[in-house]
């Protein structure tokens, strides 16, 4: 909601996010890609990071095809990379 108590339109929210992207000036990131939809990708990646099963994630986000969940929405996070490195370093042979 805005300061007047009205709902913010998706277009206005996306405009705000693009402005935030410009201000952030993240190297290698195009501010035009800062959209509300990116939160869906983040949410699904976070669920994977937390070890939530693929089926539970699919049910939660309304996907019927595992390809959509795994290949489009789930991204490898830095936490996931760190966890793999830690497990490999602690592996006893």
PDB file of N, CA and C in Angstrom:
ATOM      1  N   UNK A   1       0.847  -1.172   0.000  1.00  0.00           N
ATOM      2  CA  UNK A   1       0.000   0.000   0.000  1.00  0.00           C
ATOM      3  C   UNK A   1       0.894   1.236   0.000  1.00  0.00           C
ATOM      4  N   UNK A   2       0.370   2.273  -0.620  1.00  0.00           N
ATOM      5  CA  UNK A   2       1.134   3.518  -0.618  1.00  0.00           C
ATOM      6  C   UNK A   2       0.804   4.335   0.631  1.00  0.00           C
ATOM      7  N   UNK A   3       1.366   5.521   0.711  1.00  0.00           N
ATOM      8  CA  UNK A   3       1.173   6.362   1.902  1.00  0.00           C
ATOM      9  C   UNK A   3      -0.275   6.775   2.118  1.00  0.00           C
ATOM     10  N   UNK A   4      -1.051   6.742   1.048  1.00  0.00           N
ATOM     11  CA  UNK A   4      -2.466   7.106   1.152  1.00  0.00           C
ATOM     12  C   UNK A   4      -3.345   5.904   1.484  1.00  0.00           C
ATOM     13  N   UNK A   5      -2.729   4.724   1.602  1.00  0.00           N
ATOM     14  CA  UNK A   5      -3.479   3.523   1.926  1.00  0.00           C
ATOM     15  C   UNK A   5      -4.034   2.800   0.720  1.00  0.00           C
ATOM     16  N   UNK A   6      -3.645   3.219  -0.479  1.00  0.00           N
ATOM     17  CA  UNK A   6      -4.118   2.574  -1.701  1.00  0.00           C
ATOM     18  C   UNK A   6      -3.149   1.478  -2.131  1.00  0.00           C
ATOM     19  N   UNK A   7      -3.701   0.465  -2.802  1.00  0.00           N
ATOM     20  CA  UNK A   7      -2.852  -0.599  -3.322  1.00  0.00           C
ATOM     21  C   UNK A   7      -1.926  -0.036  -4.399  1.00  0.00           C
ATOM     22  N   UNK A   8      -0.715  -0.546  -4.436  1.00  0.00           N
ATOM     23  CA  UNK A   8       0.244  -0.137  -5.457  1.00  0.00           C
ATOM     24  C   UNK A   8       0.041  -1.037  -6.665  1.00  0.00           C
ATOM     25  N   UNK A   9      -0.053  -0.432  -7.837  1.00  0.00           N
ATOM     26  CA  UNK A   9      -0.253  -1.226  -9.051  1.00  0.00           C
ATOM     27  C   UNK A   9       1.026  -1.983  -9.386  1.00  0.00           C
ATOM     28  N   UNK A  10       0.900  -3.133 -10.043  1.00  0.00           N
ATOM     29  CA  UNK A  10       2.100  -3.878 -10.446  1.00  0.00           C
ATOM     30  C   UNK A  10       3.052  -3.031 -11.295  1.00  0.00           C
ATOM     31  N   UNK A  11       2.491  -2.209 -12.162  1.00  0.00           N
ATOM     32  CA  UNK A  11       3.322  -1.345 -12.999  1.00  0.00           C
ATOM     33  C   UNK A  11       4.119  -0.345 -12.179  1.00  0.00           C
ATOM     34  N   UNK A  12       3.475   0.252 -11.183  1.00  0.00           N
ATOM     35  CA  UNK A  12       4.178   1.195 -10.308  1.00  0.00           C
ATOM     36  C   UNK A  12       5.256   0.494  -9.488  1.00  0.00           C
ATOM     37  N   UNK A  13       4.947  -0.708  -9.028  1.00  0.00           N
ATOM     38  CA  UNK A  13       5.929  -1.457  -8.245  1.00  0.00           C
ATOM     39  C   UNK A  13       7.138  -1.813  -9.111  1.00  0.00           C
ATOM     40  N   UNK A  14       6.884  -2.256 -10.348  1.00  0.00           N
ATOM     41  CA  UNK A  14       7.984  -2.575 -11.262  1.00  0.00           C
ATOM     42  C   UNK A  14       8.811  -1.329 -11.573  1.00  0.00           C
ATOM     43  N   UNK A  15       8.162  -0.193 -11.733  1.00  0.00           N
ATOM     44  CA  UNK A  15       8.868   1.069 -11.968  1.00  0.00           C
ATOM     45  C   UNK A  15       9.781   1.391 -10.779  1.00  0.00           C
ATOM     46  N   UNK A  16       9.273   1.193  -9.569  1.00  0.00           N
ATOM     47  CA  UNK A  16      10.072   1.407  -8.362  1.00  0.00           C
ATOM     48  C   UNK A  16      11.287   0.481  -8.341  1.00  0.00           C
ATOM     49  N   UNK A  17      11.066  -0.813  -8.664  1.00  0.00           N
ATOM     50  CA  UNK A  17      12.159  -1.783  -8.651  1.00  0.00           C
ATOM     51  C   UNK A  17      13.235  -1.429  -9.673  1.00  0.00           C
ATOM     52  N   UNK A  18      12.826  -0.977 -10.850  1.00  0.00           N
ATOM     53  CA  UNK A  18      13.804  -0.581 -11.867  1.00  0.00           C
ATOM     54  C   UNK A  18      14.626   0.607 -11.383  1.00  0.00           C
ATOM     55  N   UNK A  19      13.976   1.549 -10.693  1.00  0.00           N
ATOM     56  CA  UNK A  19      14.697   2.688 -10.115  1.00  0.00           C
ATOM     57  C   UNK A  19      15.684   2.223  -9.060  1.00  0.00           C
ATOM     58  N   UNK A  20      15.258   1.261  -8.250  1.00  0.00           N
ATOM     59  CA  UNK A  20      16.143   0.705  -7.221  1.00  0.00           C
ATOM     60  C   UNK A  20      17.316  -0.013  -7.883  1.00  0.00           C
ATOM     61  N   UNK A  21      17.053  -0.671  -9.000  1.00  0.00           N
ATOM     62  CA  UNK A  21      18.119  -1.351  -9.740  1.00  0.00           C
ATOM     63  C   UNK A  21      19.142  -0.367 -10.280  1.00  0.00           C
ATOM     64  N   UNK A  22      18.657   0.766 -10.761  1.00  0.00           N
ATOM     65  CA  UNK A  22      19.575   1.810 -11.238  1.00  0.00           C
ATOM     66  C   UNK A  22      20.438   2.339 -10.103  1.00  0.00           C
ATOM     67  N   UNK A  23      19.811   2.609  -8.960  1.00  0.00           N
ATOM     68  CA  UNK A  23      20.548   3.135  -7.801  1.00  0.00           C
ATOM     69  C   UNK A  23      21.560   2.116  -7.281  1.00  0.00           C
ATOM     70  N   UNK A  24      21.201   0.843  -7.304  1.00  0.00           N
ATOM     71  CA  UNK A  24      22.090  -0.202  -6.791  1.00  0.00           C
ATOM     72  C   UNK A  24      23.329  -0.346  -7.667  1.00  0.00           C
ATOM     73  N   UNK A  25      23.167  -0.086  -8.963  1.00  0.00           N
ATOM     74  CA  UNK A  25      24.279  -0.151  -9.922  1.00  0.00           C
ATOM     75  C   UNK A  25      25.105  -1.430  -9.741  1.00  0.00           C
ATOM     76  N   UNK A  26      24.422  -2.560  -9.745  1.00  0.00           N
ATOM     77  CA  UNK A  26      25.098  -3.846  -9.575  1.00  0.00           C
ATOM     78  C   UNK A  26      25.813  -4.192 -10.876  1.00  0.00           C
ATOM     79  N   UNK A  27      27.100  -4.408 -10.784  1.00  0.00           N
ATOM     80  CA  UNK A  27      27.910  -4.724 -11.957  1.00  0.00           C
ATOM     81  C   UNK A  27      27.382  -5.975 -12.651  1.00  0.00           C
ATOM     82  N   UNK A  28      27.171  -5.855 -13.953  1.00  0.00           N
ATOM     83  CA  UNK A  28      26.709  -6.988 -14.744  1.00  0.00           C
ATOM     84  C   UNK A  28      25.218  -7.231 -14.704  1.00  0.00           C
ATOM     85  N   UNK A  29      24.469  -6.375 -14.003  1.00  0.00           N
ATOM     86  CA  UNK A  29      23.008  -6.539 -13.936  1.00  0.00           C
ATOM     87  C   UNK A  29      22.329  -5.367 -14.626  1.00  0.00           C
ATOM     88  N   UNK A  30      21.432  -5.676 -15.516  1.00  0.00           N
ATOM     89  CA  UNK A  30      20.672  -4.668 -16.237  1.00  0.00           C
ATOM     90  C   UNK A  30      19.472  -4.257 -15.382  1.00  0.00           C
ATOM     91  N   UNK A  31      19.368  -2.974 -15.010  1.00  0.00           N
ATOM     92  CA  UNK A  31      18.247  -2.537 -14.160  1.00  0.00           C
ATOM     93  C   UNK A  31      16.872  -2.809 -14.774  1.00  0.00           C
ATOM     94  N   UNK A  32      16.811  -2.989 -16.092  1.00  0.00           N
ATOM     95  CA  UNK A  32      15.530  -3.252 -16.747  1.00  0.00           C
ATOM     96  C   UNK A  32      14.960  -4.613 -16.353  1.00  0.00           C
ATOM     97  N   UNK A  33      15.817  -5.501 -15.838  1.00  0.00           N
ATOM     98  CA  UNK A  33      15.327  -6.838 -15.457  1.00  0.00           C
ATOM     99  C   UNK A  33      14.779  -6.859 -14.034  1.00  0.00           C
ATOM    100  N   UNK A  34      14.873  -5.754 -13.316  1.00  0.00           N
ATOM    101  CA  UNK A  34      14.353  -5.697 -11.951  1.00  0.00           C
ATOM    102  C   UNK A  34      12.833  -5.575 -12.015  1.00  0.00           C
ATOM    103  N   UNK A  35      12.155  -6.692 -11.804  1.00  0.00           N
ATOM    104  CA  UNK A  35      10.691  -6.760 -11.866  1.00  0.00           C
ATOM    105  C   UNK A  35      10.182  -7.565 -10.675  1.00  0.00           C
ATOM    106  N   UNK A  36       8.919  -7.408 -10.368  1.00  0.00           N
ATOM    107  CA  UNK A  36       8.312  -8.131  -9.253  1.00  0.00           C
ATOM    108  C   UNK A  36       8.445  -9.646  -9.437  1.00  0.00           C
ATOM    109  N   UNK A  37       8.458 -10.087 -10.677  1.00  0.00           N
ATOM    110  CA  UNK A  37       8.538 -11.524 -10.962  1.00  0.00           C
ATOM    111  C   UNK A  37       9.844 -12.136 -10.443  1.00  0.00           C
ATOM    112  N   UNK A  38      10.892 -11.316 -10.286  1.00  0.00           N
ATOM    113  CA  UNK A  38      12.168 -11.867  -9.802  1.00  0.00           C
ATOM    114  C   UNK A  38      12.017 -12.435  -8.385  1.00  0.00           C
ATOM    115  N   UNK A  39      11.044 -11.939  -7.635  1.00  0.00           N
ATOM    116  CA  UNK A  39      10.819 -12.469  -6.290  1.00  0.00           C
ATOM    117  C   UNK A  39      10.319 -13.910  -6.335  1.00  0.00           C
ATOM    118  N   UNK A  40       9.640 -14.282  -7.411  1.00  0.00           N
ATOM    119  CA  UNK A  40       9.178 -15.669  -7.563  1.00  0.00           C
ATOM    120  C   UNK A  40      10.391 -16.585  -7.721  1.00  0.00           C
ATOM    121  N   UNK A  41      11.346 -16.162  -8.543  1.00  0.00           N
ATOM    122  CA  UNK A  41      12.575 -16.934  -8.712  1.00  0.00           C
ATOM    123  C   UNK A  41      13.312 -17.047  -7.373  1.00  0.00           C
ATOM    124  N   UNK A  42      13.418 -15.935  -6.656  1.00  0.00           N
ATOM    125  CA  UNK A  42      14.116 -15.931  -5.362  1.00  0.00           C
ATOM    126  C   UNK A  42      13.435 -16.855  -4.369  1.00  0.00           C
ATOM    127  N   UNK A  43      12.117 -16.818  -4.347  1.00  0.00           N
ATOM    128  CA  UNK A  43      11.357 -17.656  -3.407  1.00  0.00           C
ATOM    129  C   UNK A  43      11.605 -19.132  -3.668  1.00  0.00           C
ATOM    130  N   UNK A  44      11.554 -19.532  -4.925  1.00  0.00           N
ATOM    131  CA  UNK A  44      11.730 -20.934  -5.274  1.00  0.00           C
ATOM    132  C   UNK A  44      13.173 -21.378  -5.005  1.00  0.00           C
ATOM    133  N   UNK A  45      14.129 -20.506  -5.295  1.00  0.00           N
ATOM    134  CA  UNK A  45      15.529 -20.827  -5.002  1.00  0.00           C
ATOM    135  C   UNK A  45      15.751 -20.942  -3.501  1.00  0.00           C
ATOM    136  N   UNK A  46      15.116 -20.089  -2.726  1.00  0.00           N
ATOM    137  CA  UNK A  46      15.239 -20.152  -1.269  1.00  0.00           C
ATOM    138  C   UNK A  46      14.650 -21.452  -0.735  1.00  0.00           C
ATOM    139  N   UNK A  47      13.520 -21.888  -1.272  1.00  0.00           N
ATOM    140  CA  UNK A  47      12.923 -23.153  -0.846  1.00  0.00           C
ATOM    141  C   UNK A  47      13.887 -24.311  -1.127  1.00  0.00           C
ATOM    142  N   UNK A  48      14.544 -24.273  -2.292  1.00  0.00           N
ATOM    143  CA  UNK A  48      15.522 -25.313  -2.631  1.00  0.00           C
ATOM    144  C   UNK A  48      16.707 -25.243  -1.671  1.00  0.00           C
ATOM    145  N   UNK A  49      17.165 -24.047  -1.381  1.00  0.00           N
ATOM    146  CA  UNK A  49      18.283 -23.839  -0.457  1.00  0.00           C
ATOM    147  C   UNK A  49      17.965 -24.402   0.925  1.00  0.00           C
ATOM    148  N   UNK A  50      16.708 -24.287   1.328  1.00  0.00           N
ATOM    149  CA  UNK A  50      16.272 -24.789   2.634  1.00  0.00           C
ATOM    150  C   UNK A  50      16.068 -26.305   2.647  1.00  0.00           C
ATOM    151  N   UNK A  51      16.203 -26.930   1.478  1.00  0.00           N
ATOM    152  CA  UNK A  51      16.043 -28.375   1.400  1.00  0.00           C
ATOM    153  C   UNK A  51      14.602 -28.826   1.286  1.00  0.00           C
ATOM    154  N   UNK A  52      13.700 -27.923   0.930  1.00  0.00           N
ATOM    155  CA  UNK A  52      12.290 -28.290   0.744  1.00  0.00           C
ATOM    156  C   UNK A  52      12.200 -29.170  -0.496  1.00  0.00           C
ATOM    157  N   UNK A  53      11.440 -30.238  -0.420  1.00  0.00           N
ATOM    158  CA  UNK A  53      11.359 -31.174  -1.545  1.00  0.00           C
ATOM    159  C   UNK A  53      10.787 -30.488  -2.783  1.00  0.00           C
ATOM    160  N   UNK A  54      11.171 -31.036  -3.926  1.00  0.00           N
ATOM    161  CA  UNK A  54      10.688 -30.491  -5.194  1.00  0.00           C
ATOM    162  C   UNK A  54       9.162 -30.555  -5.271  1.00  0.00           C
ATOM    163  N   UNK A  55       8.578 -31.661  -4.848  1.00  0.00           N
ATOM    164  CA  UNK A  55       7.115 -31.797  -4.921  1.00  0.00           C
ATOM    165  C   UNK A  55       6.414 -30.770  -4.042  1.00  0.00           C
ATOM    166  N   UNK A  56       6.945 -30.553  -2.833  1.00  0.00           N
ATOM    167  CA  UNK A  56       6.336 -29.567  -1.942  1.00  0.00           C
ATOM    168  C   UNK A  56       6.468 -28.161  -2.529  1.00  0.00           C
ATOM    169  N   UNK A  57       7.611 -27.881  -3.135  1.00  0.00           N
ATOM    170  CA  UNK A  57       7.809 -26.576  -3.772  1.00  0.00           C
ATOM    171  C   UNK A  57       6.844 -26.407  -4.935  1.00  0.00           C
ATOM    172  N   UNK A  58       6.753 -27.425  -5.756  1.00  0.00           N
ATOM    173  CA  UNK A  58       5.845 -27.356  -6.911  1.00  0.00           C
ATOM    174  C   UNK A  58       4.412 -27.107  -6.465  1.00  0.00           C
ATOM    175  N   UNK A  59       3.995 -27.800  -5.426  1.00  0.00           N
ATOM    176  CA  UNK A  59       2.630 -27.614  -4.923  1.00  0.00           C
ATOM    177  C   UNK A  59       2.438 -26.184  -4.416  1.00  0.00           C
ATOM    178  N   UNK A  60       3.432 -25.685  -3.685  1.00  0.00           N
ATOM    179  CA  UNK A  60       3.335 -24.354  -3.087  1.00  0.00           C
ATOM    180  C   UNK A  60       3.246 -23.246  -4.130  1.00  0.00           C
ATOM    181  N   UNK A  61       3.981 -23.414  -5.248  1.00  0.00           N
ATOM    182  CA  UNK A  61       4.016 -22.342  -6.253  1.00  0.00           C
ATOM    183  C   UNK A  61       3.105 -22.612  -7.450  1.00  0.00           C
ATOM    184  N   UNK A  62       2.429 -23.763  -7.447  1.00  0.00           N
ATOM    185  CA  UNK A  62       1.450 -24.046  -8.502  1.00  0.00           C
ATOM    186  C   UNK A  62       2.025 -24.584  -9.797  1.00  0.00           C
ATOM    187  N   UNK A  63       3.182 -25.249  -9.725  1.00  0.00           N
ATOM    188  CA  UNK A  63       3.760 -25.850 -10.931  1.00  0.00           C
ATOM    189  C   UNK A  63       3.306 -27.302 -11.035  1.00  0.00           C
ATOM    190  N   UNK A  64       3.027 -27.738 -12.252  1.00  0.00           N
ATOM    191  CA  UNK A  64       2.684 -29.142 -12.462  1.00  0.00           C
ATOM    192  C   UNK A  64       3.826 -29.883 -13.162  1.00  0.00           C
ATOM    193  N   UNK A  65       4.769 -29.143 -13.726  1.00  0.00           N
ATOM    194  CA  UNK A  65       5.876 -29.732 -14.459  1.00  0.00           C
ATOM    195  C   UNK A  65       7.179 -29.483 -13.707  1.00  0.00           C
ATOM    196  N   UNK A  66       7.900 -30.544 -13.321  1.00  0.00           N
ATOM    197  CA  UNK A  66       9.161 -30.360 -12.599  1.00  0.00           C
ATOM    198  C   UNK A  66      10.207 -29.580 -13.397  1.00  0.00           C
ATOM    199  N   UNK A  67      10.137 -29.660 -14.734  1.00  0.00           N
ATOM    200  CA  UNK A  67      11.071 -28.914 -15.570  1.00  0.00           C
ATOM    201  C   UNK A  67      10.965 -27.418 -15.275  1.00  0.00           C
ATOM    202  N   UNK A  68       9.753 -26.920 -15.156  1.00  0.00           N
ATOM    203  CA  UNK A  68       9.539 -25.502 -14.881  1.00  0.00           C
ATOM    204  C   UNK A  68      10.194 -25.103 -13.568  1.00  0.00           C
ATOM    205  N   UNK A  69       9.991 -25.913 -12.553  1.00  0.00           N
ATOM    206  CA  UNK A  69      10.555 -25.602 -11.234  1.00  0.00           C
ATOM    207  C   UNK A  69      12.074 -25.660 -11.253  1.00  0.00           C
ATOM    208  N   UNK A  70      12.632 -26.739 -11.796  1.00  0.00           N
ATOM    209  CA  UNK A  70      14.079 -26.952 -11.750  1.00  0.00           C
ATOM    210  C   UNK A  70      14.863 -26.123 -12.747  1.00  0.00           C
ATOM    211  N   UNK A  71      14.435 -26.085 -13.970  1.00  0.00           N
ATOM    212  CA  UNK A  71      15.248 -25.487 -15.026  1.00  0.00           C
ATOM    213  C   UNK A  71      15.005 -23.992 -15.221  1.00  0.00           C
ATOM    214  N   UNK A  72      13.856 -23.489 -14.810  1.00  0.00           N
ATOM    215  CA  UNK A  72      13.544 -22.077 -15.025  1.00  0.00           C
ATOM    216  C   UNK A  72      13.631 -21.281 -13.735  1.00  0.00           C
ATOM    217  N   UNK A  73      13.084 -21.804 -12.658  1.00  0.00           N
ATOM    218  CA  UNK A  73      12.952 -21.005 -11.439  1.00  0.00           C
ATOM    219  C   UNK A  73      14.006 -21.257 -10.365  1.00  0.00           C
ATOM    220  N   UNK A  74      14.571 -22.458 -10.305  1.00  0.00           N
ATOM    221  CA  UNK A  74      15.539 -22.743  -9.250  1.00  0.00           C
ATOM    222  C   UNK A  74      16.925 -22.333  -9.717  1.00  0.00           C
ATOM    223  N   UNK A  75      17.577 -21.483  -8.942  1.00  0.00           N
ATOM    224  CA  UNK A  75      18.923 -21.013  -9.246  1.00  0.00           C
ATOM    225  C   UNK A  75      19.854 -21.452  -8.119  1.00  0.00           C
ATOM    226  N   UNK A  76      21.102 -21.743  -8.456  1.00  0.00           N
ATOM    227  CA  UNK A  76      22.079 -22.117  -7.440  1.00  0.00           C
ATOM    228  C   UNK A  76      22.509 -20.847  -6.719  1.00  0.00           C
ATOM    229  N   UNK A  77      22.326 -20.832  -5.413  1.00  0.00           N
ATOM    230  CA  UNK A  77      22.670 -19.657  -4.614  1.00  0.00           C
ATOM    231  C   UNK A  77      24.087 -19.791  -4.066  1.00  0.00           C
ATOM    232  N   UNK A  78      24.620 -18.695  -3.568  1.00  0.00           N
ATOM    233  CA  UNK A  78      25.952 -18.737  -2.965  1.00  0.00           C
ATOM    234  C   UNK A  78      25.963 -19.666  -1.753  1.00  0.00           C
ATOM    235  N   UNK A  79      24.885 -19.666  -0.997  1.00  0.00           N
ATOM    236  CA  UNK A  79      24.789 -20.565   0.152  1.00  0.00           C
ATOM    237  C   UNK A  79      24.884 -22.019  -0.294  1.00  0.00           C
ATOM    238  N   UNK A  80      24.239 -22.366  -1.397  1.00  0.00           N
ATOM    239  CA  UNK A  80      24.305 -23.729  -1.918  1.00  0.00           C
ATOM    240  C   UNK A  80      25.735 -24.065  -2.334  1.00  0.00           C
ATOM    241  N   UNK A  81      26.406 -23.135  -3.019  1.00  0.00           N
ATOM    242  CA  UNK A  81      27.799 -23.356  -3.424  1.00  0.00           C
ATOM    243  C   UNK A  81      28.688 -23.585  -2.202  1.00  0.00           C
ATOM    244  N   UNK A  82      28.498 -22.735  -1.190  1.00  0.00           N
ATOM    245  CA  UNK A  82      29.295 -22.860   0.029  1.00  0.00           C
ATOM    246  C   UNK A  82      29.056 -24.194   0.716  1.00  0.00           C
ATOM    247  N   UNK A  83      27.801 -24.645   0.727  1.00  0.00           N
ATOM    248  CA  UNK A  83      27.459 -25.911   1.367  1.00  0.00           C
ATOM    249  C   UNK A  83      28.129 -27.082   0.655  1.00  0.00           C
ATOM    250  N   UNK A  84      28.133 -27.048  -0.671  1.00  0.00           N
ATOM    251  CA  UNK A  84      28.792 -28.112  -1.436  1.00  0.00           C
ATOM    252  C   UNK A  84      30.287 -28.120  -1.127  1.00  0.00           C
ATOM    253  N   UNK A  85      30.915 -26.953  -1.138  1.00  0.00           N
ATOM    254  CA  UNK A  85      32.348 -26.868  -0.841  1.00  0.00           C
ATOM    255  C   UNK A  85      32.656 -27.407   0.546  1.00  0.00           C
ATOM    256  N   UNK A  86      31.848 -27.015   1.519  1.00  0.00           N
ATOM    257  CA  UNK A  86      32.067 -27.459   2.898  1.00  0.00           C
ATOM    258  C   UNK A  86      31.938 -28.977   3.011  1.00  0.00           C
ATOM    259  N   UNK A  87      30.922 -29.535   2.378  1.00  0.00           N
ATOM    260  CA  UNK A  87      30.718 -30.982   2.441  1.00  0.00           C
ATOM    261  C   UNK A  87      31.875 -31.718   1.777  1.00  0.00           C
ATOM    262  N   UNK A  88      32.367 -31.204   0.655  1.00  0.00           N
ATOM    263  CA  UNK A  88      33.479 -31.855  -0.029  1.00  0.00           C
ATOM    264  C   UNK A  88      34.771 -31.755   0.793  1.00  0.00           C
ATOM    265  N   UNK A  89      34.973 -30.618   1.442  1.00  0.00           N
ATOM    266  CA  UNK A  89      36.157 -30.449   2.269  1.00  0.00           C
ATOM    267  C   UNK A  89      36.140 -31.378   3.485  1.00  0.00           C
ATOM    268  N   UNK A  90      34.960 -31.670   4.002  1.00  0.00           N
ATOM    269  CA  UNK A  90      34.827 -32.505   5.202  1.00  0.00           C
ATOM    270  C   UNK A  90      34.654 -33.989   4.882  1.00  0.00           C
ATOM    271  N   UNK A  91      34.683 -34.322   3.605  1.00  0.00           N
ATOM    272  CA  UNK A  91      34.500 -35.700   3.180  1.00  0.00           C
ATOM    273  C   UNK A  91      35.722 -36.521   3.589  1.00  0.00           C
ATOM    274  N   UNK A  92      35.467 -37.595   4.302  1.00  0.00           N
ATOM    275  CA  UNK A  92      36.582 -38.463   4.683  1.00  0.00           C
ATOM    276  C   UNK A  92      36.550 -39.711   3.813  1.00  0.00           C
ATOM    277  N   UNK A  93      37.683 -39.989   3.255  1.00  0.00           N
ATOM    278  CA  UNK A  93      37.777 -41.132   2.321  1.00  0.00           C
ATOM    279  C   UNK A  93      38.441 -42.303   2.987  1.00  0.00           C
TER     280      UNK A  93
END
